[in-house]
Amino acid sequence: MNIYVGNLALSVTQDNLRDLFIEFGEVESAKVITDRFSGASKGFGFVEMPSNSEADQAIKALNGKFFERQNIKVNPADPGGKKKKTNKRFQRRR
């Protein structure tokens, strides 16, 4: 299961993120999203856990938890990706 982790302190590294989730089970990957130009953290990341039951436990235990001076937000990641934008200017009126 892919898990979104938000409101991360800018000092959190991928290793810190992995260590936070490893107590709940196997972690396939942990990634802190960074700005492509400056390399600075954007304050959120994603953790991939192969077991859905372990991921659910981690989400319930960590959502709202105080971590590195921040209350983090943890929930399942939206698998939808980018949504198609509609241009309302060109839609026909009914």
C-alpha atoms as a PDB file:
ATOM      1  CA  MET A   1       0.000   0.000   0.000  1.00  0.00           C
ATOM      2  CA  ASN A   2       1.239   3.472  -0.844  1.00  0.00           C
ATOM      3  CA  ILE A   3       0.953   5.871   2.105  1.00  0.00           C
ATOM      4  CA  TYR A   4       0.997   9.672   2.010  1.00  0.00           C
ATOM      5  CA  VAL A   5       2.803  11.412   4.880  1.00  0.00           C
ATOM      6  CA  GLY A   6       2.228  15.158   5.133  1.00  0.00           C
ATOM      7  CA  ASN A   7       3.241  18.078   7.316  1.00  0.00           C
ATOM      8  CA  LEU A   8       6.784  16.739   7.657  1.00  0.00           C
ATOM      9  CA  ALA A   9       9.442  18.925   9.220  1.00  0.00           C
ATOM     10  CA  LEU A  10      11.884  20.152   6.592  1.00  0.00           C
ATOM     11  CA  SER A  11      14.691  18.317   8.417  1.00  0.00           C
ATOM     12  CA  VAL A  12      13.122  14.840   7.941  1.00  0.00           C
ATOM     13  CA  THR A  13      15.140  12.516   5.692  1.00  0.00           C
ATOM     14  CA  GLN A  14      14.124   9.368   3.863  1.00  0.00           C
ATOM     15  CA  ASP A  15      15.936   7.315   6.507  1.00  0.00           C
ATOM     16  CA  ASN A  16      13.980   9.071   9.303  1.00  0.00           C
ATOM     17  CA  LEU A  17      10.741   8.348   7.459  1.00  0.00           C
ATOM     18  CA  ARG A  18      11.649   4.675   6.937  1.00  0.00           C
ATOM     19  CA  ASP A  19      12.609   4.299  10.616  1.00  0.00           C
ATOM     20  CA  LEU A  20       9.247   5.756  11.673  1.00  0.00           C
ATOM     21  CA  PHE A  21       7.303   3.110   9.716  1.00  0.00           C
ATOM     22  CA  ILE A  22       9.612   0.092  10.145  1.00  0.00           C
ATOM     23  CA  GLU A  23       8.227  -0.653  13.617  1.00  0.00           C
ATOM     24  CA  PHE A  24       4.889  -1.565  11.981  1.00  0.00           C
ATOM     25  CA  GLY A  25       6.326  -3.969   9.403  1.00  0.00           C
ATOM     26  CA  GLU A  26       8.278  -4.217   6.176  1.00  0.00           C
ATOM     27  CA  VAL A  27       8.890  -0.973   4.297  1.00  0.00           C
ATOM     28  CA  GLU A  28       9.601  -1.286   0.563  1.00  0.00           C
ATOM     29  CA  SER A  29      10.462   2.377   0.081  1.00  0.00           C
ATOM     30  CA  ALA A  30      10.315   5.753   1.773  1.00  0.00           C
ATOM     31  CA  LYS A  31      10.643   8.975  -0.201  1.00  0.00           C
ATOM     32  CA  VAL A  32      10.634  12.582   0.932  1.00  0.00           C
ATOM     33  CA  ILE A  33       9.565  14.816  -1.960  1.00  0.00           C
ATOM     34  CA  THR A  34      12.029  17.602  -2.711  1.00  0.00           C
ATOM     35  CA  ASP A  35      12.116  20.663  -4.919  1.00  0.00           C
ATOM     36  CA  ARG A  36      13.900  19.780  -8.149  1.00  0.00           C
ATOM     37  CA  PHE A  37      15.869  23.030  -8.247  1.00  0.00           C
ATOM     38  CA  SER A  38      16.822  23.699  -4.632  1.00  0.00           C
ATOM     39  CA  GLY A  39      16.704  20.125  -3.312  1.00  0.00           C
ATOM     40  CA  ALA A  40      14.800  21.337  -0.238  1.00  0.00           C
ATOM     41  CA  SER A  41      12.040  19.181   1.211  1.00  0.00           C
ATOM     42  CA  LYS A  42       8.487  20.092   0.218  1.00  0.00           C
ATOM     43  CA  GLY A  43       7.178  18.829   3.578  1.00  0.00           C
ATOM     44  CA  PHE A  44       5.587  15.585   2.445  1.00  0.00           C
ATOM     45  CA  GLY A  45       6.536  12.130   1.310  1.00  0.00           C
ATOM     46  CA  PHE A  46       5.384   8.613   0.516  1.00  0.00           C
ATOM     47  CA  VAL A  47       5.991   5.236   2.126  1.00  0.00           C
ATOM     48  CA  GLU A  48       5.330   1.945   0.348  1.00  0.00           C
ATOM     49  CA  MET A  49       4.453  -1.067   2.524  1.00  0.00           C
ATOM     50  CA  PRO A  50       3.699  -4.447   0.904  1.00  0.00           C
ATOM     51  CA  SER A  51       1.285  -5.616   3.626  1.00  0.00           C
ATOM     52  CA  ASN A  52      -2.029  -3.774   3.700  1.00  0.00           C
ATOM     53  CA  SER A  53      -2.735  -4.822   7.290  1.00  0.00           C
ATOM     54  CA  GLU A  54       0.638  -3.491   8.489  1.00  0.00           C
ATOM     55  CA  ALA A  55       0.082  -0.295   6.492  1.00  0.00           C
ATOM     56  CA  ASP A  56      -3.363   0.167   8.064  1.00  0.00           C
ATOM     57  CA  GLN A  57      -1.842  -0.256  11.531  1.00  0.00           C
ATOM     58  CA  ALA A  58       0.835   2.336  10.731  1.00  0.00           C
ATOM     59  CA  ILE A  59      -1.744   4.814   9.402  1.00  0.00           C
ATOM     60  CA  LYS A  60      -3.935   4.489  12.500  1.00  0.00           C
ATOM     61  CA  ALA A  61      -1.000   4.782  14.891  1.00  0.00           C
ATOM     62  CA  LEU A  62       0.897   7.598  13.173  1.00  0.00           C
ATOM     63  CA  ASN A  63      -1.819   9.940  11.883  1.00  0.00           C
ATOM     64  CA  GLY A  64      -1.632  13.090  14.027  1.00  0.00           C
ATOM     65  CA  LYS A  65       1.500  11.880  15.834  1.00  0.00           C
ATOM     66  CA  PHE A  66       4.054  14.488  16.922  1.00  0.00           C
ATOM     67  CA  PHE A  67       7.213  13.730  14.893  1.00  0.00           C
ATOM     68  CA  GLU A  68      10.232  16.038  14.620  1.00  0.00           C
ATOM     69  CA  ARG A  69       8.304  18.991  16.118  1.00  0.00           C
ATOM     70  CA  GLN A  70       5.322  18.564  13.737  1.00  0.00           C
ATOM     71  CA  ASN A  71       1.960  16.787  13.912  1.00  0.00           C
ATOM     72  CA  ILE A  72       2.149  14.625  10.806  1.00  0.00           C
ATOM     73  CA  LYS A  73      -0.756  13.619   8.587  1.00  0.00           C
ATOM     74  CA  VAL A  74      -0.770   9.984   7.454  1.00  0.00           C
ATOM     75  CA  ASN A  75      -3.309   8.400   5.102  1.00  0.00           C
ATOM     76  CA  PRO A  76      -3.519   6.120   2.060  1.00  0.00           C
ATOM     77  CA  ALA A  77      -2.125   7.829  -1.035  1.00  0.00           C
ATOM     78  CA  ASP A  78      -4.536   8.715  -3.814  1.00  0.00           C
ATOM     79  CA  PRO A  79      -3.727   6.285  -6.657  1.00  0.00           C
ATOM     80  CA  GLY A  80      -5.622   8.403  -9.195  1.00  0.00           C
ATOM     81  CA  GLY A  81      -2.675  10.496 -10.257  1.00  0.00           C
ATOM     82  CA  LYS A  82      -3.316  13.723 -12.111  1.00  0.00           C
ATOM     83  CA  LYS A  83      -6.929  14.358 -12.887  1.00  0.00           C
ATOM     84  CA  LYS A  84      -8.022  15.508 -16.315  1.00  0.00           C
ATOM     85  CA  LYS A  85      -8.848  19.200 -16.338  1.00  0.00           C
ATOM     86  CA  THR A  86     -11.981  20.340 -18.097  1.00  0.00           C
ATOM     87  CA  ASN A  87     -12.042  23.654 -19.826  1.00  0.00           C
ATOM     88  CA  LYS A  88     -15.427  25.074 -18.865  1.00  0.00           C
ATOM     89  CA  ARG A  89     -15.116  27.860 -21.395  1.00  0.00           C
ATOM     90  CA  PHE A  90     -15.593  25.406 -24.257  1.00  0.00           C
ATOM     91  CA  GLN A  91     -18.296  23.205 -22.729  1.00  0.00           C
ATOM     92  CA  ARG A  92     -21.717  23.366 -24.348  1.00  0.00           C
ATOM     93  CA  ARG A  93     -24.553  24.754 -22.304  1.00  0.00           C
ATOM     94  CA  ARG A  94     -27.590  22.545 -21.831  1.00  0.00           C
END
